[in-house]
Structures are given as structure tokens and as C-alpha cells.
C-alpha atoms as a PDB file:
ATOM      1  CA  MET A   1       2.583  15.802 155.315  1.00  0.00           C
ATOM      2  CA  LYS A   2       6.056  14.393 154.676  1.00  0.00           C
ATOM      3  CA  SER A   3       6.084  11.008 152.954  1.00  0.00           C
ATOM      4  CA  GLN A   4       8.321   9.587 155.707  1.00  0.00           C
ATOM      5  CA  THR A   5       5.649  10.363 158.339  1.00  0.00           C
ATOM      6  CA  LEU A   6       2.771   9.409 156.068  1.00  0.00           C
ATOM      7  CA  LYS A   7       4.139   5.954 155.316  1.00  0.00           C
ATOM      8  CA  TRP A   8       4.302   5.103 159.036  1.00  0.00           C
ATOM      9  CA  ILE A   9       0.762   6.370 159.633  1.00  0.00           C
ATOM     10  CA  ILE A  10      -0.485   4.213 156.746  1.00  0.00           C
ATOM     11  CA  LEU A  11       1.488   1.238 158.050  1.00  0.00           C
ATOM     12  CA  VAL A  12      -0.161   1.408 161.494  1.00  0.00           C
ATOM     13  CA  ALA A  13      -3.635   1.946 159.992  1.00  0.00           C
ATOM     14  CA  LEU A  14      -3.178  -1.088 157.766  1.00  0.00           C
ATOM     15  CA  ALA A  15      -2.057  -3.199 160.694  1.00  0.00           C
ATOM     16  CA  LEU A  16      -5.224  -2.333 162.620  1.00  0.00           C
ATOM     17  CA  ILE A  17      -7.468  -3.022 159.621  1.00  0.00           C
ATOM     18  CA  TRP A  18      -5.817  -6.200 158.359  1.00  0.00           C
ATOM     19  CA  GLY A  19      -5.144  -7.474 161.869  1.00  0.00           C
ATOM     20  CA  SER A  20      -8.914  -7.440 162.398  1.00  0.00           C
ATOM     21  CA  SER A  21      -9.597  -9.242 159.115  1.00  0.00           C
ATOM     22  CA  PHE A  22      -8.731 -12.692 160.437  1.00  0.00           C
ATOM     23  CA  ILE A  23     -11.353 -12.626 163.174  1.00  0.00           C
ATOM     24  CA  LEU A  24     -13.888 -11.299 160.632  1.00  0.00           C
ATOM     25  CA  ILE A  25     -13.159 -14.304 158.395  1.00  0.00           C
ATOM     26  CA  LYS A  26     -13.610 -16.615 161.372  1.00  0.00           C
ATOM     27  CA  LYS A  27     -16.973 -15.060 162.245  1.00  0.00           C
ATOM     28  CA  GLY A  28     -18.052 -15.053 158.608  1.00  0.00           C
ATOM     29  CA  LEU A  29     -17.480 -18.809 158.362  1.00  0.00           C
ATOM     30  CA  ILE A  30     -20.271 -19.255 160.924  1.00  0.00           C
ATOM     31  CA  GLY A  31     -23.049 -19.314 158.354  1.00  0.00           C
ATOM     32  CA  LEU A  32     -21.061 -19.310 155.108  1.00  0.00           C
ATOM     33  CA  ASN A  33     -18.710 -21.779 153.450  1.00  0.00           C
ATOM     34  CA  PRO A  34     -15.251 -20.591 152.283  1.00  0.00           C
ATOM     35  CA  PHE A  35     -16.260 -20.096 148.643  1.00  0.00           C
ATOM     36  CA  GLN A  36     -19.316 -18.067 149.615  1.00  0.00           C
ATOM     37  CA  LEU A  37     -17.251 -15.975 151.999  1.00  0.00           C
ATOM     38  CA  GLY A  38     -14.506 -15.355 149.438  1.00  0.00           C
ATOM     39  CA  SER A  39     -16.999 -14.465 146.709  1.00  0.00           C
ATOM     40  CA  LEU A  40     -19.108 -12.160 148.897  1.00  0.00           C
ATOM     41  CA  ARG A  41     -15.959 -10.451 150.139  1.00  0.00           C
ATOM     42  CA  ILE A  42     -15.078  -9.613 146.532  1.00  0.00           C
ATOM     43  CA  VAL A  43     -18.634  -8.641 145.568  1.00  0.00           C
ATOM     44  CA  PHE A  44     -19.072  -6.260 148.520  1.00  0.00           C
ATOM     45  CA  CYS A  45     -15.680  -4.709 147.926  1.00  0.00           C
ATOM     46  CA  ALA A  46     -16.179  -4.389 144.162  1.00  0.00           C
ATOM     47  CA  THR A  47     -19.544  -2.669 144.635  1.00  0.00           C
ATOM     48  CA  PHE A  48     -18.035  -0.183 147.080  1.00  0.00           C
ATOM     49  CA  LEU A  49     -15.028   0.563 144.881  1.00  0.00           C
ATOM     50  CA  LEU A  50     -17.008   0.951 141.669  1.00  0.00           C
ATOM     51  CA  ILE A  51     -19.162   3.575 143.416  1.00  0.00           C
ATOM     52  CA  ILE A  52     -16.197   5.641 144.600  1.00  0.00           C
ATOM     53  CA  GLY A  53     -13.584   4.859 141.956  1.00  0.00           C
ATOM     54  CA  PHE A  54     -15.304   4.156 138.641  1.00  0.00           C
ATOM     55  CA  ARG A  55     -14.099   7.417 137.095  1.00  0.00           C
ATOM     56  CA  LYS A  56     -10.489   6.526 137.907  1.00  0.00           C
ATOM     57  CA  LEU A  57     -10.606   3.536 135.557  1.00  0.00           C
ATOM     58  CA  SER A  58     -10.092   5.850 132.583  1.00  0.00           C
ATOM     59  CA  THR A  59      -6.605   6.676 133.893  1.00  0.00           C
ATOM     60  CA  ILE A  60      -5.459   3.091 133.336  1.00  0.00           C
ATOM     61  CA  HIS A  61      -3.810   2.697 129.930  1.00  0.00           C
ATOM     62  CA  LEU A  62      -4.831  -0.217 127.740  1.00  0.00           C
ATOM     63  CA  HIS A  63      -1.440  -1.956 127.998  1.00  0.00           C
ATOM     64  CA  GLN A  64      -1.636  -1.806 131.827  1.00  0.00           C
ATOM     65  CA  TRP A  65      -4.814  -3.848 132.112  1.00  0.00           C
ATOM     66  CA  LYS A  66      -2.892  -7.122 131.835  1.00  0.00           C
ATOM     67  CA  TYR A  67      -1.002  -6.130 134.990  1.00  0.00           C
ATOM     68  CA  ILE A  68      -4.240  -5.035 136.642  1.00  0.00           C
ATOM     69  CA  ALA A  69      -5.606  -8.520 135.928  1.00  0.00           C
ATOM     70  CA  LEU A  70      -2.477 -10.202 137.301  1.00  0.00           C
ATOM     71  CA  THR A  71      -2.441  -8.117 140.479  1.00  0.00           C
ATOM     72  CA  SER A  72      -6.135  -8.801 141.017  1.00  0.00           C
ATOM     73  CA  LEU A  73      -5.489 -12.529 140.717  1.00  0.00           C
ATOM     74  CA  PHE A  74      -2.507 -12.650 143.073  1.00  0.00           C
ATOM     75  CA  GLY A  75      -3.353  -9.728 145.341  1.00  0.00           C
ATOM     76  CA  THR A  76      -6.911 -10.631 146.291  1.00  0.00           C
ATOM     77  CA  PHE A  77      -8.747 -13.276 144.263  1.00  0.00           C
ATOM     78  CA  ILE A  78      -6.679 -16.363 145.153  1.00  0.00           C
ATOM     79  CA  PRO A  79      -5.876 -15.303 148.761  1.00  0.00           C
ATOM     80  CA  ALA A  80      -9.538 -14.473 149.468  1.00  0.00           C
ATOM     81  CA  TYR A  81     -10.457 -18.124 149.024  1.00  0.00           C
ATOM     82  CA  LEU A  82      -7.263 -19.620 150.459  1.00  0.00           C
ATOM     83  CA  PHE A  83      -7.584 -17.785 153.785  1.00  0.00           C
ATOM     84  CA  ALA A  84     -11.263 -18.685 154.081  1.00  0.00           C
ATOM     85  CA  ILE A  85     -10.519 -22.381 153.484  1.00  0.00           C
ATOM     86  CA  ALA A  86      -7.528 -22.317 155.850  1.00  0.00           C
ATOM     87  CA  GLU A  87      -9.464 -20.781 158.738  1.00  0.00           C
ATOM     88  CA  MET A  88     -11.823 -23.745 158.749  1.00  0.00           C
ATOM     89  CA  ARG A  89      -9.038 -25.693 160.475  1.00  0.00           C
ATOM     90  CA  VAL A  90      -6.417 -23.127 161.500  1.00  0.00           C
ATOM     91  CA  SER A  91      -7.013 -20.433 164.124  1.00  0.00           C
ATOM     92  CA  SER A  92      -7.169 -16.791 163.107  1.00  0.00           C
ATOM     93  CA  SER A  93      -4.108 -16.085 165.280  1.00  0.00           C
ATOM     94  CA  ILE A  94      -1.966 -18.702 163.527  1.00  0.00           C
ATOM     95  CA  CYS A  95      -3.099 -17.497 160.102  1.00  0.00           C
ATOM     96  CA  SER A  96      -2.074 -13.960 160.968  1.00  0.00           C
ATOM     97  CA  ILE A  97       1.365 -15.114 162.125  1.00  0.00           C
ATOM     98  CA  LEU A  98       1.948 -17.174 158.987  1.00  0.00           C
ATOM     99  CA  ASN A  99       0.899 -14.117 156.999  1.00  0.00           C
ATOM    100  CA  SER A 100       4.083 -12.520 158.360  1.00  0.00           C
ATOM    101  CA  LEU A 101       6.021 -14.532 155.787  1.00  0.00           C
ATOM    102  CA  THR A 102       4.888 -12.105 153.080  1.00  0.00           C
ATOM    103  CA  PRO A 103       8.009  -9.882 153.375  1.00  0.00           C
ATOM    104  CA  LEU A 104      10.268 -12.939 153.098  1.00  0.00           C
ATOM    105  CA  ASN A 105       8.498 -14.106 149.966  1.00  0.00           C
ATOM    106  CA  THR A 106       8.557 -10.550 148.630  1.00  0.00           C
ATOM    107  CA  LEU A 107      12.323 -10.563 149.028  1.00  0.00           C
ATOM    108  CA  ILE A 108      12.778 -14.013 147.478  1.00  0.00           C
ATOM    109  CA  LEU A 109      10.575 -13.272 144.474  1.00  0.00           C
ATOM    110  CA  GLY A 110      12.046  -9.806 144.125  1.00  0.00           C
ATOM    111  CA  SER A 111      15.497 -11.347 143.843  1.00  0.00           C
ATOM    112  CA  ILE A 112      14.655 -14.288 141.600  1.00  0.00           C
ATOM    113  CA  VAL A 113      12.084 -12.712 139.293  1.00  0.00           C
ATOM    114  CA  PHE A 114      12.499  -8.933 139.553  1.00  0.00           C
ATOM    115  CA  GLY A 115      16.283  -8.612 139.851  1.00  0.00           C
ATOM    116  CA  LEU A 116      16.645  -7.315 143.421  1.00  0.00           C
ATOM    117  CA  ASN A 117      19.889  -8.125 145.245  1.00  0.00           C
ATOM    118  CA  PHE A 118      20.211 -10.340 148.330  1.00  0.00           C
ATOM    119  CA  LYS A 119      22.424  -9.531 151.317  1.00  0.00           C
ATOM    120  CA  ARG A 120      23.905 -12.203 153.560  1.00  0.00           C
ATOM    121  CA  SER A 121      21.764 -11.067 156.512  1.00  0.00           C
ATOM    122  CA  GLN A 122      18.670 -11.279 154.326  1.00  0.00           C
ATOM    123  CA  ILE A 123      19.487 -14.851 153.302  1.00  0.00           C
ATOM    124  CA  MET A 124      19.905 -15.686 156.990  1.00  0.00           C
ATOM    125  CA  GLY A 125      16.551 -14.023 157.703  1.00  0.00           C
ATOM    126  CA  VAL A 126      14.819 -16.143 155.075  1.00  0.00           C
ATOM    127  CA  LEU A 127      16.294 -19.347 156.507  1.00  0.00           C
ATOM    128  CA  ILE A 128      15.336 -18.391 160.074  1.00  0.00           C
ATOM    129  CA  GLY A 129      11.843 -17.478 158.924  1.00  0.00           C
ATOM    130  CA  LEU A 130      11.433 -20.882 157.299  1.00  0.00           C
ATOM    131  CA  ILE A 131      12.554 -22.614 160.504  1.00  0.00           C
ATOM    132  CA  GLY A 132      10.021 -20.604 162.499  1.00  0.00           C
ATOM    133  CA  THR A 133       7.325 -21.526 160.001  1.00  0.00           C
ATOM    134  CA  ALA A 134       8.071 -25.235 160.389  1.00  0.00           C
ATOM    135  CA  VAL A 135       7.958 -24.943 164.197  1.00  0.00           C
ATOM    136  CA  LEU A 136       4.668 -23.053 164.123  1.00  0.00           C
ATOM    137  CA  ILE A 137       2.902 -25.306 161.625  1.00  0.00           C
ATOM    138  CA  PHE A 138       3.988 -28.702 162.904  1.00  0.00           C
ATOM    139  CA  SER A 139       3.559 -27.820 166.590  1.00  0.00           C
ATOM    140  CA  GLY A 140      -0.039 -26.881 165.841  1.00  0.00           C
ATOM    141  CA  ASN A 141      -0.812 -30.245 164.289  1.00  0.00           C
ATOM    142  CA  ASP A 142      -0.440 -31.957 167.679  1.00  0.00           C
ATOM    143  CA  GLN A 143      -3.393 -30.180 169.277  1.00  0.00           C
ATOM    144  CA  GLY A 144      -6.056 -32.752 168.713  1.00  0.00           C
ATOM    145  CA  GLY A 145      -6.538 -31.827 165.086  1.00  0.00           C
ATOM    146  CA  THR A 146      -7.537 -28.241 165.773  1.00  0.00           C
ATOM    147  CA  GLU A 147      -4.563 -27.033 163.755  1.00  0.00           C
ATOM    148  CA  ASN A 148      -4.074 -28.866 160.462  1.00  0.00           C
ATOM    149  CA  TYR A 149      -0.788 -28.206 158.698  1.00  0.00           C
ATOM    150  CA  TYR A 150      -2.229 -29.055 155.287  1.00  0.00           C
ATOM    151  CA  TYR A 151      -4.571 -26.096 155.669  1.00  0.00           C
ATOM    152  CA  ALA A 152      -1.720 -23.970 157.029  1.00  0.00           C
ATOM    153  CA  PHE A 153       0.154 -24.473 153.763  1.00  0.00           C
ATOM    154  CA  LEU A 154      -2.721 -22.693 152.013  1.00  0.00           C
ATOM    155  CA  VAL A 155      -1.763 -19.582 153.987  1.00  0.00           C
ATOM    156  CA  LEU A 156       1.820 -19.968 152.788  1.00  0.00           C
ATOM    157  CA  ILE A 157       0.608 -20.077 149.188  1.00  0.00           C
ATOM    158  CA  ALA A 158      -1.433 -16.924 149.849  1.00  0.00           C
ATOM    159  CA  THR A 159       1.684 -15.107 151.123  1.00  0.00           C
ATOM    160  CA  ILE A 160       3.501 -16.032 147.900  1.00  0.00           C
ATOM    161  CA  CYS A 161       0.566 -14.547 145.983  1.00  0.00           C
ATOM    162  CA  TYR A 162       0.777 -11.346 148.054  1.00  0.00           C
ATOM    163  CA  ALA A 163       4.517 -11.124 147.445  1.00  0.00           C
ATOM    164  CA  THR A 164       4.005 -11.496 143.702  1.00  0.00           C
ATOM    165  CA  ASN A 165       1.379  -8.772 143.801  1.00  0.00           C
ATOM    166  CA  VAL A 166       3.618  -6.312 145.652  1.00  0.00           C
ATOM    167  CA  ASN A 167       6.471  -6.723 143.173  1.00  0.00           C
ATOM    168  CA  LEU A 168       4.174  -6.462 140.152  1.00  0.00           C
ATOM    169  CA  ILE A 169       2.661  -3.198 141.383  1.00  0.00           C
ATOM    170  CA  LYS A 170       6.033  -1.670 142.159  1.00  0.00           C
ATOM    171  CA  LYS A 171       7.510  -2.656 138.795  1.00  0.00           C
ATOM    172  CA  TYR A 172       4.599  -2.119 136.394  1.00  0.00           C
ATOM    173  CA  LEU A 173       1.923   0.048 138.072  1.00  0.00           C
ATOM    174  CA  SER A 174       3.850   2.577 140.163  1.00  0.00           C
ATOM    175  CA  ASP A 175       2.526   5.439 138.012  1.00  0.00           C
ATOM    176  CA  VAL A 176      -1.150   4.438 138.394  1.00  0.00           C
ATOM    177  CA  LYS A 177      -3.302   5.967 141.140  1.00  0.00           C
ATOM    178  CA  PRO A 178      -3.969   3.538 144.031  1.00  0.00           C
ATOM    179  CA  LEU A 179      -7.756   3.915 143.747  1.00  0.00           C
ATOM    180  CA  ALA A 180      -7.571   3.151 140.010  1.00  0.00           C
ATOM    181  CA  ILE A 181      -5.521  -0.005 140.640  1.00  0.00           C
ATOM    182  CA  THR A 182      -7.871  -1.256 143.346  1.00  0.00           C
ATOM    183  CA  THR A 183     -11.050  -0.485 141.413  1.00  0.00           C
ATOM    184  CA  GLY A 184      -9.610  -2.112 138.303  1.00  0.00           C
ATOM    185  CA  ASN A 185      -8.624  -5.180 140.332  1.00  0.00           C
ATOM    186  CA  PHE A 186     -12.136  -5.721 141.649  1.00  0.00           C
ATOM    187  CA  LEU A 187     -13.808  -4.964 138.338  1.00  0.00           C
ATOM    188  CA  VAL A 188     -11.787  -7.829 136.870  1.00  0.00           C
ATOM    189  CA  MET A 189     -12.684 -10.143 139.777  1.00  0.00           C
ATOM    190  CA  LEU A 190     -16.379  -9.310 140.079  1.00  0.00           C
ATOM    191  CA  VAL A 191     -17.825 -11.634 137.417  1.00  0.00           C
ATOM    192  CA  PRO A 192     -15.706 -14.698 138.357  1.00  0.00           C
ATOM    193  CA  ALA A 193     -16.660 -14.202 142.026  1.00  0.00           C
ATOM    194  CA  ILE A 194     -20.381 -14.045 141.171  1.00  0.00           C
ATOM    195  CA  VAL A 195     -20.059 -17.188 139.032  1.00  0.00           C
ATOM    196  CA  ILE A 196     -18.415 -19.079 141.910  1.00  0.00           C
ATOM    197  CA  LEU A 197     -21.098 -17.836 144.317  1.00  0.00           C
ATOM    198  CA  CYS A 198     -23.844 -19.074 141.985  1.00  0.00           C
ATOM    199  CA  PHE A 199     -22.398 -22.574 142.055  1.00  0.00           C
ATOM    200  CA  THR A 200     -22.845 -22.773 145.837  1.00  0.00           C
ATOM    201  CA  ASP A 201     -26.061 -23.162 147.849  1.00  0.00           C
ATOM    202  CA  PHE A 202     -26.028 -19.490 148.860  1.00  0.00           C
ATOM    203  CA  SER A 203     -29.414 -18.654 147.305  1.00  0.00           C
ATOM    204  CA  SER A 204     -31.164 -21.305 149.403  1.00  0.00           C
ATOM    205  CA  LYS A 205     -29.837 -20.051 152.735  1.00  0.00           C
ATOM    206  CA  MET A 206     -29.292 -16.315 152.237  1.00  0.00           C
ATOM    207  CA  ASN A 207     -32.452 -15.495 154.226  1.00  0.00           C
ATOM    208  CA  LEU A 208     -31.388 -17.467 157.292  1.00  0.00           C
ATOM    209  CA  PRO A 209     -30.460 -15.298 160.326  1.00  0.00           C
ATOM    210  CA  VAL A 210     -27.106 -17.052 160.746  1.00  0.00           C
ATOM    211  CA  THR A 211     -26.243 -16.367 157.107  1.00  0.00           C
ATOM    212  CA  GLN A 212     -27.233 -12.721 157.290  1.00  0.00           C
ATOM    213  CA  HIS A 213     -25.218 -12.300 160.470  1.00  0.00           C
ATOM    214  CA  ALA A 214     -22.196 -13.812 158.742  1.00  0.00           C
ATOM    215  CA  MET A 215     -22.747 -11.547 155.735  1.00  0.00           C
ATOM    216  CA  LEU A 216     -22.500  -8.500 157.999  1.00  0.00           C
ATOM    217  CA  PHE A 217     -18.999  -9.535 159.049  1.00  0.00           C
ATOM    218  CA  VAL A 218     -18.057 -10.221 155.428  1.00  0.00           C
ATOM    219  CA  MET A 219     -19.411  -6.825 154.350  1.00  0.00           C
ATOM    220  CA  ILE A 220     -17.098  -5.119 156.855  1.00  0.00           C
ATOM    221  CA  LEU A 221     -14.280  -7.390 155.703  1.00  0.00           C
ATOM    222  CA  GLY A 222     -14.922  -6.591 152.052  1.00  0.00           C
ATOM    223  CA  ILE A 223     -15.426  -2.833 152.262  1.00  0.00           C
ATOM    224  CA  VAL A 224     -12.968  -1.869 154.996  1.00  0.00           C
ATOM    225  CA  GLY A 225     -10.607  -4.841 155.276  1.00  0.00           C
ATOM    226  CA  THR A 226     -10.223  -5.247 151.524  1.00  0.00           C
ATOM    227  CA  GLY A 227     -11.390  -2.161 149.623  1.00  0.00           C
ATOM    228  CA  VAL A 228     -10.198   0.694 151.838  1.00  0.00           C
ATOM    229  CA  ALA A 229      -7.117  -1.263 152.945  1.00  0.00           C
ATOM    230  CA  ASN A 230      -5.998  -2.059 149.395  1.00  0.00           C
ATOM    231  CA  VAL A 231      -6.250   1.584 148.327  1.00  0.00           C
ATOM    232  CA  ILE A 232      -4.008   2.775 151.126  1.00  0.00           C
ATOM    233  CA  PHE A 233      -1.723  -0.267 150.760  1.00  0.00           C
ATOM    234  CA  TYR A 234      -1.025   0.553 147.114  1.00  0.00           C
ATOM    235  CA  LYS A 235      -0.386   4.129 148.173  1.00  0.00           C
ATOM    236  CA  LEU A 236       2.131   2.816 150.697  1.00  0.00           C
ATOM    237  CA  ILE A 237       3.923   0.754 148.031  1.00  0.00           C
ATOM    238  CA  GLN A 238       4.241   3.833 145.834  1.00  0.00           C
ATOM    239  CA  ILE A 239       5.693   6.112 148.531  1.00  0.00           C
ATOM    240  CA  SER A 240       7.978   3.496 150.081  1.00  0.00           C
ATOM    241  CA  SER A 241       9.331   0.145 148.888  1.00  0.00           C
ATOM    242  CA  PRO A 242       7.817  -3.333 148.353  1.00  0.00           C
ATOM    243  CA  VAL A 243       9.605  -4.747 151.398  1.00  0.00           C
ATOM    244  CA  PHE A 244       8.612  -1.837 153.681  1.00  0.00           C
ATOM    245  CA  ALA A 245       5.010  -2.051 152.493  1.00  0.00           C
ATOM    246  CA  SER A 246       4.795  -5.794 153.078  1.00  0.00           C
ATOM    247  CA  SER A 247       6.377  -5.383 156.542  1.00  0.00           C
ATOM    248  CA  VAL A 248       2.943  -4.333 157.762  1.00  0.00           C
ATOM    249  CA  THR A 249       2.747  -8.041 158.571  1.00  0.00           C
ATOM    250  CA  TYR A 250       5.048  -7.375 161.570  1.00  0.00           C
ATOM    251  CA  LEU A 251       2.166  -5.629 163.306  1.00  0.00           C
ATOM    252  CA  ILE A 252      -0.788  -7.616 161.963  1.00  0.00           C
ATOM    253  CA  PRO A 253      -0.218 -10.664 164.251  1.00  0.00           C
ATOM    254  CA  ILE A 254      -0.269  -8.439 167.330  1.00  0.00           C
ATOM    255  CA  VAL A 255      -3.714  -7.087 166.455  1.00  0.00           C
ATOM    256  CA  ALA A 256      -5.000 -10.475 165.283  1.00  0.00           C
ATOM    257  CA  CYS A 257      -3.751 -12.326 168.369  1.00  0.00           C
ATOM    258  CA  LEU A 258      -5.446  -9.786 170.640  1.00  0.00           C
ATOM    259  CA  TRP A 259      -8.724 -10.455 168.807  1.00  0.00           C
ATOM    260  CA  GLY A 260      -8.005 -14.174 169.061  1.00  0.00           C
ATOM    261  CA  LEU A 261      -7.491 -13.963 172.827  1.00  0.00           C
ATOM    262  CA  LEU A 262     -10.818 -12.144 173.154  1.00  0.00           C
ATOM    263  CA  ASP A 263     -12.367 -15.015 171.194  1.00  0.00           C
ATOM    264  CA  ASN A 264     -10.797 -17.661 173.460  1.00  0.00           C
ATOM    265  CA  GLU A 265      -7.993 -18.705 171.107  1.00  0.00           C
ATOM    266  CA  ILE A 266      -4.873 -19.937 172.860  1.00  0.00           C
ATOM    267  CA  LEU A 267      -1.322 -20.282 171.522  1.00  0.00           C
ATOM    268  CA  THR A 268       0.975 -22.917 173.016  1.00  0.00           C
ATOM    269  CA  PRO A 269       4.494 -21.959 174.183  1.00  0.00           C
ATOM    270  CA  LEU A 270       5.938 -23.783 171.156  1.00  0.00           C
ATOM    271  CA  GLN A 271       3.689 -21.774 168.829  1.00  0.00           C
ATOM    272  CA  PHE A 272       4.799 -18.536 170.492  1.00  0.00           C
ATOM    273  CA  LEU A 273       8.395 -19.672 169.893  1.00  0.00           C
ATOM    274  CA  GLY A 274       7.639 -20.322 166.224  1.00  0.00           C
ATOM    275  CA  ALA A 275       6.016 -16.918 165.870  1.00  0.00           C
ATOM    276  CA  PHE A 276       9.012 -15.231 167.532  1.00  0.00           C
ATOM    277  CA  ILE A 277      11.445 -17.029 165.212  1.00  0.00           C
ATOM    278  CA  ILE A 278       9.436 -15.958 162.165  1.00  0.00           C
ATOM    279  CA  LEU A 279       9.484 -12.311 163.222  1.00  0.00           C
ATOM    280  CA  ILE A 280      13.256 -12.490 163.845  1.00  0.00           C
ATOM    281  CA  GLY A 281      13.655 -13.834 160.326  1.00  0.00           C
ATOM    282  CA  VAL A 282      11.454 -11.106 158.868  1.00  0.00           C
ATOM    283  CA  TYR A 283      13.462  -8.470 160.750  1.00  0.00           C
ATOM    284  CA  LEU A 284      16.790  -9.762 159.399  1.00  0.00           C
ATOM    285  CA  ALA A 285      15.393 -10.029 155.874  1.00  0.00           C
ATOM    286  CA  ASN A 286      14.312  -6.397 155.973  1.00  0.00           C
ATOM    287  CA  LYS A 287      17.468  -5.072 157.637  1.00  0.00           C
ATOM    288  CA  LYS A 288      19.353  -2.633 155.435  1.00  0.00           C
END
């Protein structure tokens, strides 16, 4: 299959998988706290990846492990907890829309840190995206406390982490197999995640039906929404570009908002406006 066709197939598949992740986080928080959810997400995913990808670890050269550690930190470890904390106060739909800022941050970091060049239209896109973000976040704070902009800023931090991860992989790990990168990432994260889990009250409530039900959602989130998705995402980065790969966030809000509507989430007209402005900004920032 031609890489041009393959990259679009992967893009759509990722949108479906990651667009469903936000509702899975929301359901997982019914029975688990954010640190338990984040840790279990990593543990489930690490177990799955070590089973299917352990042999690939030998293909990672010794000097590349520092980049594996960095990409694990920024690509999954920090965002796994930030999104779980954020969704305690921010709807899954809003989180998915704010996640659309990843391409903008990829562009900004790529220019400042990794030497990529800005175009005038891209600068305009970044500015428009920031305006849309402000509209979306601060309009949500007026809804009786159901949307808290302090928690929304955690999503913004997560998108900066994702952007850092994308640029690191493209610059330093483009010659490493996607499965090796992903398995290495979760091998690095496994012990810290278990340590964090042990410092919660998980052991005292793991046998409760509500907890086990929540764990089922997190298992799907960890194996499919994190493990499988990361493997094909890294493949997408390697056959395309960092900005194209991160533009999967164009489609993610559509999937996530459909799930949100099915779960009785409602966006106000002002929030729809903010989301539209963000996507306009992302479009301009990615325009060649």
C-alpha cells in the first residue's frame, strides 16, 4: 500500500480510537480516582505491549534509551494523569476540543526548539487558535462550575507534552520501529505507575463492583486507546511529518463530541464558537 494512502487510513483509525478515549476516561473515573486511573492505564498497556513487543526492545540502541525515557514522560506518563484529573471537572467533549491544540504546540515547539521555520499564515493560525482556546475555556467557567478553567489548563499542559513528544520522536527516534518505541516507553513507565498506584487506596476497593466496572473501561483505554494507538501513531509520524501526525486532533473532537452527546453532554453556542475558532487556527497553522 502506498504511504500516502496508508497515512490517511492510520489517521482516521487513530481519530476513532483516541476520540473514544475521552468517554472511557470519564467512565473510568466512576469508581477510580485520577491517579488510580492513570496508573492502571499505564499498567494495562505496559503488560499488553511487553507481551507482544518485548523482543523488539533489543533493536533500541543504548544511546537511544534517554530519548525513549523522554518520550515516555511527555508522550504518555504526564498526560495520562493530567487528562484524568481534568475530566473530574471538565467534560470529555471540551477536553477533546482542547486536545486539538496539539498541532499548534507542535509547530511552536518545532520552531523554537527544533529549528523548523514559521510562515506568516502559521503565525496567524497560532494566534487564532489561542483566541479560540480562551473563548472555549472561559465560556465554560460560567456554567455553574461544571467547567473549571483551572482544570482545563491541565489539558493545555498535556498538549504541550504531546507536542514535545512528537518532535522528539521525529528528530531522534525516526529509525526505531514503532512497536519498539512504544514498548520501551511503557517499560520505563511501568514501575513509577505501580508505585503511584500503591500510594492510593486502590487495594482496599479493588474488589468493589463499581471499581471493577471502571477497571474494564480503563483496560480498554490502556490496551486499545494507548497501546495499539501509540504503535500506529509512531508509524504515522515516521511515514509523514510531525504536524500531519498531530493533526489527527482535527478529527478526534468529532468522535468525542458524538460520544459526549450520547452521554448527555451539551456544548453551549459560545463553546461551539470557541471550538470552531480553534479548528480554524489549527487549519491555518498546518497550511502549506
